[in-house]
């Protein structure tokens, strides 16, 4: 049997996050990251990308599901996420997710640059509120803030507007008892990047 990525065994494709990579993440998000890693391995992907993170968040964190427009929308989104390993996502298997919309950070081992940047933004988001560790909604906001991420591509395919979703996350975060003001939403450039 030939491996999808030459020179690597399936177990070597996605590294385990180091202890420093999970700093600032609560047990729930460490579990989300572990679930995303298992999904990437199962799909034969080189790295954990933002779509893996989105899928794991939806399956693991009930609070994340509350910012979508009902169970039917979540079910449709999960359907698209499941299809990535048999459909449109096949083209992602031989590439690294790096949308260029965010600076590359030396983040979580086995994560794409975009996923690593989202993890860092989630930590920053929680810290700016004076809370630690980061929550699922922090990571979801960070994932959807990059309009060229794979997660946003999947959201778009499922008929979900990432900007509207981001604004619903912000409204939910304000209602959860955040003492500091949430991050400002800015449109930058033709892609309408969201800034946390």
N, C-alpha and C. Protein backbone atom coordinates (compact mmCIF):
# COMPACT_ATOMS: atom_id res chain seq x y z
N UNK A 1 0.84 -1.18 0.00
CA UNK A 1 0.00 0.00 0.00
C UNK A 1 0.89 1.24 0.00
N UNK A 2 0.62 2.16 -0.88
CA UNK A 2 1.43 3.36 -1.01
C UNK A 2 0.82 4.48 -0.18
N UNK A 3 1.65 5.20 0.56
CA UNK A 3 1.18 6.32 1.36
C UNK A 3 0.88 7.50 0.46
N UNK A 4 -0.05 8.35 0.91
CA UNK A 4 -0.44 9.50 0.10
C UNK A 4 0.67 10.53 -0.02
N UNK A 5 1.52 10.61 0.97
CA UNK A 5 2.62 11.57 0.94
C UNK A 5 3.91 10.78 0.94
N UNK A 6 4.66 10.83 -0.13
CA UNK A 6 5.87 10.03 -0.22
C UNK A 6 6.83 10.32 0.92
N UNK A 7 7.45 9.27 1.42
CA UNK A 7 8.47 9.41 2.44
C UNK A 7 7.95 9.56 3.85
N UNK A 8 6.63 9.55 4.03
CA UNK A 8 6.08 9.68 5.37
C UNK A 8 5.11 8.55 5.61
N UNK A 9 5.17 8.02 6.82
CA UNK A 9 4.13 7.06 7.20
C UNK A 9 2.93 7.87 7.67
N UNK A 10 1.79 7.24 7.75
CA UNK A 10 0.58 7.94 8.16
C UNK A 10 0.75 8.55 9.53
N UNK A 11 1.41 7.85 10.44
CA UNK A 11 1.59 8.37 11.78
C UNK A 11 2.50 9.58 11.85
N UNK A 12 3.35 9.80 10.86
CA UNK A 12 4.27 10.94 10.87
C UNK A 12 3.68 12.17 10.21
N UNK A 13 2.55 12.06 9.58
CA UNK A 13 2.02 13.18 8.82
C UNK A 13 1.59 14.34 9.71
N UNK A 14 1.01 14.06 10.86
CA UNK A 14 0.50 15.11 11.73
C UNK A 14 1.14 14.92 13.09
N UNK A 15 1.99 15.86 13.49
CA UNK A 15 2.67 15.75 14.77
C UNK A 15 1.76 16.01 15.94
N UNK A 16 2.16 15.50 17.08
CA UNK A 16 1.43 15.78 18.31
C UNK A 16 1.84 17.16 18.81
N UNK A 17 0.86 17.96 19.26
CA UNK A 17 1.21 19.28 19.77
C UNK A 17 2.12 19.16 20.99
N UNK A 18 3.11 20.01 21.05
CA UNK A 18 3.99 20.06 22.22
C UNK A 18 3.25 20.74 23.36
N UNK A 19 3.77 20.59 24.57
CA UNK A 19 3.12 21.16 25.75
C UNK A 19 2.99 22.68 25.61
N UNK A 20 4.03 23.35 25.08
CA UNK A 20 3.98 24.81 24.90
C UNK A 20 2.89 25.21 23.91
N UNK A 21 2.59 24.35 22.94
CA UNK A 21 1.60 24.68 21.92
C UNK A 21 0.19 24.72 22.50
N UNK A 22 -0.04 23.99 23.59
CA UNK A 22 -1.36 23.97 24.18
C UNK A 22 -1.48 24.93 25.36
N UNK A 23 -0.41 25.67 25.67
CA UNK A 23 -0.45 26.66 26.74
C UNK A 23 -1.50 27.71 26.40
N UNK A 24 -2.27 28.12 27.38
CA UNK A 24 -3.31 29.12 27.15
C UNK A 24 -4.59 28.53 26.60
N UNK A 25 -4.62 27.22 26.42
CA UNK A 25 -5.84 26.55 25.97
C UNK A 25 -6.36 25.70 27.13
N UNK A 26 -7.65 25.75 27.36
CA UNK A 26 -8.24 24.92 28.40
C UNK A 26 -8.32 23.48 27.96
N UNK A 27 -8.73 22.63 28.87
CA UNK A 27 -8.84 21.20 28.58
C UNK A 27 -9.77 20.95 27.39
N UNK A 28 -10.82 21.78 27.27
CA UNK A 28 -11.77 21.60 26.16
C UNK A 28 -11.09 21.83 24.81
N UNK A 29 -10.28 22.89 24.72
CA UNK A 29 -9.62 23.18 23.45
C UNK A 29 -8.45 22.23 23.17
N UNK A 30 -7.82 21.74 24.22
CA UNK A 30 -6.80 20.71 24.01
C UNK A 30 -7.47 19.47 23.41
N UNK A 31 -8.66 19.14 23.90
CA UNK A 31 -9.41 18.01 23.34
C UNK A 31 -9.84 18.29 21.90
N UNK A 32 -10.23 19.53 21.62
CA UNK A 32 -10.61 19.92 20.25
C UNK A 32 -9.41 19.73 19.32
N UNK A 33 -8.25 20.18 19.75
CA UNK A 33 -7.04 20.05 18.94
C UNK A 33 -6.69 18.58 18.72
N UNK A 34 -6.85 17.76 19.76
CA UNK A 34 -6.59 16.32 19.62
C UNK A 34 -7.57 15.69 18.64
N UNK A 35 -8.83 16.10 18.70
CA UNK A 35 -9.83 15.59 17.76
C UNK A 35 -9.52 16.00 16.33
N UNK A 36 -9.05 17.25 16.16
CA UNK A 36 -8.68 17.73 14.82
C UNK A 36 -7.49 16.93 14.29
N UNK A 37 -6.54 16.61 15.18
CA UNK A 37 -5.37 15.82 14.77
C UNK A 37 -5.79 14.42 14.33
N UNK A 38 -6.69 13.79 15.10
CA UNK A 38 -7.19 12.46 14.71
C UNK A 38 -7.90 12.51 13.35
N UNK A 39 -8.68 13.55 13.14
CA UNK A 39 -9.39 13.68 11.86
C UNK A 39 -8.42 13.87 10.71
N UNK A 40 -7.38 14.67 10.91
CA UNK A 40 -6.37 14.87 9.87
C UNK A 40 -5.67 13.56 9.55
N UNK A 41 -5.32 12.80 10.56
CA UNK A 41 -4.69 11.49 10.33
C UNK A 41 -5.61 10.57 9.56
N UNK A 42 -6.87 10.52 9.99
CA UNK A 42 -7.85 9.63 9.35
C UNK A 42 -8.08 10.02 7.88
N UNK A 43 -8.05 11.32 7.60
CA UNK A 43 -8.27 11.80 6.24
C UNK A 43 -7.02 11.71 5.37
N UNK A 44 -5.87 11.39 5.98
CA UNK A 44 -4.62 11.32 5.22
C UNK A 44 -4.06 12.68 4.88
N UNK A 45 -4.40 13.70 5.69
CA UNK A 45 -3.92 15.05 5.43
C UNK A 45 -2.57 15.27 6.10
N UNK A 46 -1.80 16.17 5.53
CA UNK A 46 -0.44 16.45 6.03
C UNK A 46 -0.46 17.17 7.36
N UNK A 47 -1.41 18.05 7.55
CA UNK A 47 -1.45 18.89 8.74
C UNK A 47 -2.88 19.10 9.20
N UNK A 48 -3.00 19.52 10.44
CA UNK A 48 -4.29 19.97 10.96
C UNK A 48 -4.55 21.33 10.32
N UNK A 49 -5.68 21.47 9.64
CA UNK A 49 -6.00 22.77 9.05
C UNK A 49 -7.22 23.35 9.75
N UNK A 50 -7.64 24.53 9.33
CA UNK A 50 -8.76 25.21 10.00
C UNK A 50 -10.08 24.47 9.81
N UNK A 51 -10.23 23.73 8.72
CA UNK A 51 -11.45 22.95 8.54
C UNK A 51 -11.49 21.79 9.54
N UNK A 52 -10.35 21.15 9.82
CA UNK A 52 -10.30 20.11 10.86
C UNK A 52 -10.68 20.72 12.21
N UNK A 53 -10.15 21.90 12.50
CA UNK A 53 -10.44 22.57 13.76
C UNK A 53 -11.92 22.90 13.85
N UNK A 54 -12.50 23.44 12.78
CA UNK A 54 -13.92 23.76 12.75
C UNK A 54 -14.76 22.51 13.00
N UNK A 55 -14.42 21.42 12.34
CA UNK A 55 -15.16 20.16 12.49
C UNK A 55 -15.10 19.68 13.93
N UNK A 56 -13.91 19.70 14.51
CA UNK A 56 -13.74 19.25 15.88
C UNK A 56 -14.48 20.16 16.87
N UNK A 57 -14.46 21.47 16.63
CA UNK A 57 -15.20 22.40 17.49
C UNK A 57 -16.69 22.09 17.47
N UNK A 58 -17.23 21.86 16.28
CA UNK A 58 -18.66 21.57 16.16
C UNK A 58 -19.04 20.30 16.89
N UNK A 59 -18.17 19.30 16.84
CA UNK A 59 -18.47 18.02 17.48
C UNK A 59 -18.22 18.03 18.98
N UNK A 60 -17.34 18.92 19.47
CA UNK A 60 -16.90 18.84 20.85
C UNK A 60 -17.46 19.91 21.78
N UNK A 61 -17.82 21.07 21.24
CA UNK A 61 -18.17 22.20 22.09
C UNK A 61 -19.61 22.64 21.83
N UNK A 62 -20.54 22.32 22.75
CA UNK A 62 -21.94 22.69 22.54
C UNK A 62 -22.16 24.19 22.39
N UNK A 63 -21.32 25.01 23.06
CA UNK A 63 -21.46 26.46 22.97
C UNK A 63 -21.23 26.94 21.54
N UNK A 64 -20.35 26.29 20.80
CA UNK A 64 -20.06 26.67 19.42
C UNK A 64 -21.32 26.53 18.56
N UNK A 65 -22.07 25.48 18.77
CA UNK A 65 -23.28 25.27 17.97
C UNK A 65 -24.34 26.33 18.17
N UNK A 66 -24.30 27.04 19.30
CA UNK A 66 -25.33 28.04 19.57
C UNK A 66 -25.23 29.29 18.73
N UNK A 67 -24.07 29.55 18.10
CA UNK A 67 -23.93 30.77 17.31
C UNK A 67 -24.36 30.57 15.85
N UNK A 68 -24.72 29.35 15.50
CA UNK A 68 -25.23 29.10 14.16
C UNK A 68 -26.74 29.26 14.15
N UNK A 69 -27.33 29.35 12.97
CA UNK A 69 -28.76 29.60 12.84
C UNK A 69 -29.54 28.28 12.87
N UNK A 70 -29.47 27.59 13.97
CA UNK A 70 -30.27 26.40 14.16
C UNK A 70 -29.55 25.11 13.81
N UNK A 71 -30.17 24.02 14.19
CA UNK A 71 -29.60 22.69 14.01
C UNK A 71 -29.47 22.30 12.54
N UNK A 72 -30.39 22.77 11.70
CA UNK A 72 -30.32 22.42 10.27
C UNK A 72 -29.05 23.01 9.64
N UNK A 73 -28.69 24.21 10.03
CA UNK A 73 -27.48 24.83 9.48
C UNK A 73 -26.24 24.08 9.96
N UNK A 74 -26.21 23.68 11.22
CA UNK A 74 -25.08 22.91 11.75
C UNK A 74 -24.98 21.57 11.03
N UNK A 75 -26.13 20.91 10.82
CA UNK A 75 -26.13 19.61 10.14
C UNK A 75 -25.61 19.75 8.71
N UNK A 76 -26.03 20.81 8.00
CA UNK A 76 -25.55 21.04 6.64
C UNK A 76 -24.04 21.28 6.63
N UNK A 77 -23.57 22.07 7.58
CA UNK A 77 -22.14 22.34 7.67
C UNK A 77 -21.35 21.06 7.96
N UNK A 78 -21.83 20.25 8.90
CA UNK A 78 -21.16 18.98 9.19
C UNK A 78 -21.13 18.08 7.96
N UNK A 79 -22.21 18.11 7.18
CA UNK A 79 -22.24 17.33 5.94
C UNK A 79 -21.14 17.75 4.98
N UNK A 80 -20.92 19.05 4.84
CA UNK A 80 -19.85 19.53 3.97
C UNK A 80 -18.48 19.17 4.54
N UNK A 81 -18.33 19.25 5.85
CA UNK A 81 -17.05 18.91 6.47
C UNK A 81 -16.73 17.43 6.27
N UNK A 82 -17.73 16.58 6.37
CA UNK A 82 -17.51 15.15 6.16
C UNK A 82 -17.12 14.87 4.71
N UNK A 83 -17.68 15.61 3.78
CA UNK A 83 -17.41 15.40 2.35
C UNK A 83 -15.99 15.78 1.94
N UNK A 84 -15.28 16.50 2.77
CA UNK A 84 -13.94 16.97 2.36
C UNK A 84 -13.01 15.82 2.01
N UNK A 85 -13.17 14.66 2.66
CA UNK A 85 -12.24 13.56 2.41
C UNK A 85 -12.62 12.75 1.17
N UNK A 86 -13.79 13.03 0.60
CA UNK A 86 -14.17 12.29 -0.61
C UNK A 86 -14.47 13.21 -1.78
N UNK A 87 -14.51 14.50 -1.54
CA UNK A 87 -14.91 15.42 -2.60
C UNK A 87 -13.92 16.54 -2.80
N UNK A 88 -14.43 17.76 -2.65
CA UNK A 88 -13.64 18.95 -2.96
C UNK A 88 -12.36 19.04 -2.13
N UNK A 89 -12.34 18.49 -0.94
CA UNK A 89 -11.17 18.58 -0.07
C UNK A 89 -9.99 17.73 -0.50
N UNK A 90 -10.18 16.84 -1.48
CA UNK A 90 -9.07 15.99 -1.91
C UNK A 90 -7.89 16.81 -2.42
N UNK A 91 -8.17 17.96 -3.02
CA UNK A 91 -7.08 18.80 -3.53
C UNK A 91 -6.26 19.40 -2.39
N UNK A 92 -6.78 19.40 -1.18
CA UNK A 92 -6.06 19.96 -0.04
C UNK A 92 -5.01 19.00 0.50
N UNK A 93 -5.13 17.71 0.20
CA UNK A 93 -4.27 16.72 0.84
C UNK A 93 -2.79 16.89 0.53
N UNK A 94 -2.45 17.41 -0.60
CA UNK A 94 -1.03 17.54 -0.95
C UNK A 94 -0.52 18.96 -0.77
N UNK A 95 -1.32 19.82 -0.13
CA UNK A 95 -0.91 21.21 0.04
C UNK A 95 -0.97 21.61 1.51
N UNK A 96 -0.29 22.70 1.82
CA UNK A 96 -0.30 23.25 3.17
C UNK A 96 -1.22 24.46 3.17
N UNK A 97 -2.09 24.53 4.17
CA UNK A 97 -2.98 25.67 4.28
C UNK A 97 -2.20 26.86 4.83
N UNK A 98 -2.01 27.83 3.99
CA UNK A 98 -1.38 29.09 4.38
C UNK A 98 -2.00 30.16 3.50
N UNK A 99 -3.07 30.75 3.98
CA UNK A 99 -3.82 31.69 3.16
C UNK A 99 -3.07 32.98 2.89
N UNK A 100 -2.04 33.26 3.68
CA UNK A 100 -1.33 34.52 3.51
C UNK A 100 -2.04 35.69 4.14
N UNK A 101 -3.23 35.46 4.66
CA UNK A 101 -3.99 36.55 5.27
C UNK A 101 -3.51 36.86 6.68
N UNK A 102 -2.77 35.92 7.25
CA UNK A 102 -2.27 36.11 8.61
C UNK A 102 -0.78 35.83 8.62
N UNK A 103 -0.05 36.41 9.54
CA UNK A 103 1.38 36.12 9.58
C UNK A 103 1.62 34.68 9.99
N UNK A 104 2.64 34.06 9.41
CA UNK A 104 2.99 32.70 9.78
C UNK A 104 3.64 32.75 11.15
N UNK A 105 3.16 31.89 12.04
CA UNK A 105 3.73 31.82 13.38
C UNK A 105 4.31 30.44 13.57
N UNK A 106 5.28 30.35 14.45
CA UNK A 106 5.84 29.04 14.74
C UNK A 106 4.98 28.43 15.82
N UNK A 107 3.85 27.89 15.42
CA UNK A 107 2.86 27.44 16.38
C UNK A 107 2.82 25.96 16.56
N UNK A 108 1.63 25.47 16.73
CA UNK A 108 1.41 24.08 17.12
C UNK A 108 1.99 23.12 16.11
N UNK A 109 2.73 22.15 16.63
CA UNK A 109 3.33 21.13 15.77
C UNK A 109 2.24 20.38 15.06
N UNK A 110 2.39 20.19 13.76
CA UNK A 110 1.40 19.45 12.99
C UNK A 110 0.27 20.30 12.49
N UNK A 111 0.23 21.59 12.82
CA UNK A 111 -0.83 22.47 12.36
C UNK A 111 -0.36 23.27 11.15
N UNK A 112 -1.31 23.58 10.29
CA UNK A 112 -1.00 24.47 9.17
C UNK A 112 -0.70 25.85 9.73
N UNK A 113 -0.01 26.69 8.95
CA UNK A 113 0.22 28.07 9.42
C UNK A 113 -1.08 28.80 9.77
N UNK A 114 -2.13 28.58 9.00
CA UNK A 114 -3.40 29.25 9.29
C UNK A 114 -4.02 28.75 10.59
N UNK A 115 -3.96 27.44 10.84
CA UNK A 115 -4.49 26.89 12.08
C UNK A 115 -3.66 27.34 13.28
N UNK A 116 -2.33 27.37 13.12
CA UNK A 116 -1.46 27.85 14.20
C UNK A 116 -1.77 29.30 14.54
N UNK A 117 -1.96 30.12 13.50
CA UNK A 117 -2.28 31.53 13.72
C UNK A 117 -3.63 31.66 14.43
N UNK A 118 -4.60 30.82 14.08
CA UNK A 118 -5.91 30.87 14.73
C UNK A 118 -5.79 30.51 16.21
N UNK A 119 -4.97 29.53 16.54
CA UNK A 119 -4.76 29.17 17.94
C UNK A 119 -4.16 30.35 18.71
N UNK A 120 -3.20 31.02 18.09
CA UNK A 120 -2.57 32.17 18.74
C UNK A 120 -3.57 33.30 18.92
N UNK A 121 -4.39 33.55 17.89
CA UNK A 121 -5.40 34.62 17.99
C UNK A 121 -6.43 34.28 19.07
N UNK A 122 -6.78 33.01 19.23
CA UNK A 122 -7.73 32.61 20.27
C UNK A 122 -7.15 32.91 21.66
N UNK A 123 -5.88 32.61 21.85
CA UNK A 123 -5.21 32.91 23.13
C UNK A 123 -5.23 34.42 23.39
N UNK A 124 -4.88 35.19 22.36
CA UNK A 124 -4.84 36.65 22.49
C UNK A 124 -6.22 37.19 22.80
N UNK A 125 -7.21 36.68 22.13
CA UNK A 125 -8.59 37.11 22.33
C UNK A 125 -9.02 36.92 23.78
N UNK A 126 -8.72 35.74 24.34
CA UNK A 126 -9.07 35.46 25.74
C UNK A 126 -8.29 36.37 26.68
N UNK A 127 -7.00 36.57 26.40
CA UNK A 127 -6.16 37.42 27.24
C UNK A 127 -6.66 38.86 27.24
N UNK A 128 -7.10 39.35 26.09
CA UNK A 128 -7.60 40.72 26.00
C UNK A 128 -8.87 40.92 26.80
N UNK A 129 -9.64 39.86 26.99
CA UNK A 129 -10.83 39.91 27.83
C UNK A 129 -10.46 39.76 29.31
N UNK A 130 -9.21 39.44 29.58
CA UNK A 130 -8.79 39.19 30.95
C UNK A 130 -9.18 37.81 31.42
N UNK A 131 -9.42 36.91 30.46
CA UNK A 131 -9.81 35.55 30.80
C UNK A 131 -8.77 34.57 30.27
N UNK A 132 -8.63 33.50 30.96
CA UNK A 132 -7.79 32.40 30.48
C UNK A 132 -8.39 31.14 31.08
N UNK A 133 -8.37 30.08 30.43
CA UNK A 133 -7.83 29.88 29.09
C UNK A 133 -8.84 30.27 28.01
N UNK A 134 -8.38 30.19 26.76
CA UNK A 134 -9.26 30.47 25.62
C UNK A 134 -10.40 29.45 25.58
N UNK A 135 -11.54 29.88 25.07
CA UNK A 135 -12.73 29.01 24.96
C UNK A 135 -12.95 28.65 23.49
N UNK A 136 -13.91 27.77 23.28
CA UNK A 136 -14.26 27.34 21.92
C UNK A 136 -14.68 28.50 21.04
N UNK A 137 -15.45 29.44 21.59
CA UNK A 137 -15.87 30.58 20.78
C UNK A 137 -14.70 31.48 20.40
N UNK A 138 -13.68 31.54 21.26
CA UNK A 138 -12.48 32.30 20.89
C UNK A 138 -11.82 31.68 19.66
N UNK A 139 -11.71 30.36 19.68
CA UNK A 139 -11.08 29.67 18.55
C UNK A 139 -11.94 29.76 17.30
N UNK A 140 -13.25 29.62 17.45
CA UNK A 140 -14.14 29.74 16.29
C UNK A 140 -14.03 31.13 15.68
N UNK A 141 -14.03 32.17 16.51
CA UNK A 141 -13.89 33.55 16.00
C UNK A 141 -12.57 33.71 15.26
N UNK A 142 -11.51 33.14 15.82
CA UNK A 142 -10.19 33.24 15.19
C UNK A 142 -10.15 32.50 13.86
N UNK A 143 -10.81 31.37 13.78
CA UNK A 143 -10.84 30.58 12.54
C UNK A 143 -11.60 31.30 11.44
N UNK A 144 -12.76 31.88 11.78
CA UNK A 144 -13.59 32.52 10.74
C UNK A 144 -13.10 33.92 10.39
N UNK A 145 -12.15 34.45 11.16
CA UNK A 145 -11.63 35.79 10.87
C UNK A 145 -10.74 35.83 9.63
N UNK A 146 -10.26 34.68 9.18
CA UNK A 146 -9.39 34.61 8.00
C UNK A 146 -10.24 34.20 6.79
N UNK A 147 -10.59 35.16 5.93
CA UNK A 147 -11.52 34.86 4.84
C UNK A 147 -10.98 33.88 3.80
N UNK A 148 -9.67 33.63 3.81
CA UNK A 148 -9.10 32.71 2.82
C UNK A 148 -8.72 31.36 3.44
N UNK A 149 -9.23 31.10 4.64
CA UNK A 149 -8.94 29.81 5.29
C UNK A 149 -9.84 28.73 4.70
N UNK A 150 -9.43 27.49 4.90
CA UNK A 150 -10.24 26.36 4.44
C UNK A 150 -11.56 26.30 5.20
N UNK A 151 -11.55 26.66 6.47
CA UNK A 151 -12.80 26.66 7.25
C UNK A 151 -13.82 27.61 6.64
N UNK A 152 -13.36 28.79 6.24
CA UNK A 152 -14.29 29.76 5.64
C UNK A 152 -14.76 29.26 4.28
N UNK A 153 -13.90 28.58 3.54
CA UNK A 153 -14.33 27.99 2.27
C UNK A 153 -15.45 26.98 2.49
N UNK A 154 -15.31 26.14 3.53
CA UNK A 154 -16.36 25.16 3.83
C UNK A 154 -17.63 25.87 4.29
N UNK A 155 -17.49 26.89 5.13
CA UNK A 155 -18.67 27.65 5.56
C UNK A 155 -19.41 28.22 4.35
N UNK A 156 -18.66 28.79 3.42
CA UNK A 156 -19.26 29.38 2.22
C UNK A 156 -19.99 28.32 1.40
N UNK A 157 -19.38 27.15 1.24
CA UNK A 157 -20.02 26.06 0.50
C UNK A 157 -21.33 25.63 1.17
N UNK A 158 -21.36 25.75 2.51
CA UNK A 158 -22.57 25.37 3.25
C UNK A 158 -23.59 26.51 3.32
N UNK A 159 -23.29 27.63 2.66
CA UNK A 159 -24.22 28.76 2.63
C UNK A 159 -24.20 29.61 3.88
N UNK A 160 -23.07 29.61 4.60
CA UNK A 160 -22.95 30.38 5.85
C UNK A 160 -21.99 31.53 5.61
N UNK A 161 -22.43 32.74 5.90
CA UNK A 161 -21.61 33.93 5.74
C UNK A 161 -20.68 34.07 6.95
N UNK A 162 -19.38 34.02 6.73
CA UNK A 162 -18.41 34.05 7.83
C UNK A 162 -18.47 35.36 8.60
N UNK A 163 -18.70 36.48 7.90
CA UNK A 163 -18.77 37.78 8.58
C UNK A 163 -19.97 37.81 9.53
N UNK A 164 -21.12 37.33 9.07
CA UNK A 164 -22.30 37.29 9.94
C UNK A 164 -22.07 36.36 11.12
N UNK A 165 -21.42 35.23 10.88
CA UNK A 165 -21.11 34.29 11.95
C UNK A 165 -20.20 34.96 12.98
N UNK A 166 -19.18 35.68 12.51
CA UNK A 166 -18.27 36.38 13.41
C UNK A 166 -19.03 37.37 14.28
N UNK A 167 -19.95 38.11 13.68
CA UNK A 167 -20.73 39.09 14.44
C UNK A 167 -21.63 38.41 15.48
N UNK A 168 -22.18 37.22 15.15
CA UNK A 168 -22.97 36.47 16.13
C UNK A 168 -22.09 35.98 17.27
N UNK A 169 -20.86 35.58 16.96
CA UNK A 169 -19.92 35.16 18.01
C UNK A 169 -19.64 36.34 18.94
N UNK A 170 -19.42 37.51 18.35
CA UNK A 170 -19.16 38.72 19.14
C UNK A 170 -20.34 39.03 20.05
N UNK A 171 -21.55 38.97 19.50
CA UNK A 171 -22.74 39.25 20.30
C UNK A 171 -22.88 38.26 21.44
N UNK A 172 -22.59 36.99 21.17
CA UNK A 172 -22.65 35.96 22.21
C UNK A 172 -21.59 36.21 23.27
N UNK A 173 -20.38 36.56 22.83
CA UNK A 173 -19.29 36.82 23.78
C UNK A 173 -19.62 38.00 24.69
N UNK A 174 -20.26 39.02 24.15
CA UNK A 174 -20.64 40.18 24.96
C UNK A 174 -21.67 39.78 26.02
N UNK A 175 -22.55 38.85 25.66
CA UNK A 175 -23.60 38.41 26.57
C UNK A 175 -23.14 37.40 27.60
N UNK A 176 -21.95 36.81 27.39
CA UNK A 176 -21.45 35.77 28.28
C UNK A 176 -20.81 36.38 29.52
N UNK A 177 -20.65 37.69 29.54
CA UNK A 177 -20.09 38.32 30.72
C UNK A 177 -18.65 38.76 30.55
N UNK A 178 -18.25 38.97 29.29
CA UNK A 178 -16.90 39.50 29.06
C UNK A 178 -16.85 40.91 29.63
N UNK A 179 -15.85 41.19 30.46
CA UNK A 179 -15.76 42.50 31.09
C UNK A 179 -15.15 43.53 30.16
N UNK A 180 -14.20 43.11 29.35
CA UNK A 180 -13.58 44.04 28.41
C UNK A 180 -14.37 44.03 27.12
N UNK A 181 -14.21 45.09 26.34
CA UNK A 181 -14.87 45.13 25.04
C UNK A 181 -14.26 44.09 24.13
N UNK A 182 -15.11 43.49 23.31
CA UNK A 182 -14.64 42.50 22.36
C UNK A 182 -13.80 43.14 21.28
N UNK A 183 -13.10 42.33 20.46
CA UNK A 183 -12.27 42.87 19.41
C UNK A 183 -13.09 43.61 18.36
N UNK A 184 -12.46 44.59 17.77
CA UNK A 184 -13.11 45.40 16.75
C UNK A 184 -13.12 44.64 15.43
N UNK A 185 -14.22 44.76 14.71
CA UNK A 185 -14.33 44.13 13.40
C UNK A 185 -14.00 45.19 12.37
N UNK A 186 -12.96 44.96 11.60
CA UNK A 186 -12.54 45.91 10.57
C UNK A 186 -12.54 45.22 9.22
N UNK A 187 -12.96 45.94 8.20
CA UNK A 187 -12.81 45.44 6.84
C UNK A 187 -11.50 45.95 6.30
N UNK A 188 -10.66 45.04 5.80
CA UNK A 188 -9.37 45.44 5.26
C UNK A 188 -9.21 44.84 3.89
N UNK A 189 -8.99 45.68 2.91
CA UNK A 189 -8.71 45.18 1.58
C UNK A 189 -9.94 44.58 0.92
N UNK A 190 -9.75 44.08 -0.29
CA UNK A 190 -10.86 43.59 -1.09
C UNK A 190 -11.48 42.32 -0.52
N UNK A 191 -10.73 41.55 0.28
CA UNK A 191 -11.27 40.31 0.81
C UNK A 191 -12.10 40.52 2.07
N UNK A 192 -12.04 41.72 2.64
CA UNK A 192 -12.82 41.99 3.84
C UNK A 192 -12.33 41.20 5.04
N UNK A 193 -11.01 41.16 5.28
CA UNK A 193 -10.45 40.44 6.42
C UNK A 193 -11.06 40.94 7.70
N UNK A 194 -11.31 40.04 8.62
CA UNK A 194 -11.79 40.42 9.94
C UNK A 194 -10.59 40.50 10.86
N UNK A 195 -10.49 41.56 11.62
CA UNK A 195 -9.36 41.73 12.51
C UNK A 195 -9.84 41.52 13.94
N UNK A 196 -9.14 40.66 14.65
CA UNK A 196 -9.49 40.41 16.04
C UNK A 196 -8.72 41.34 16.94
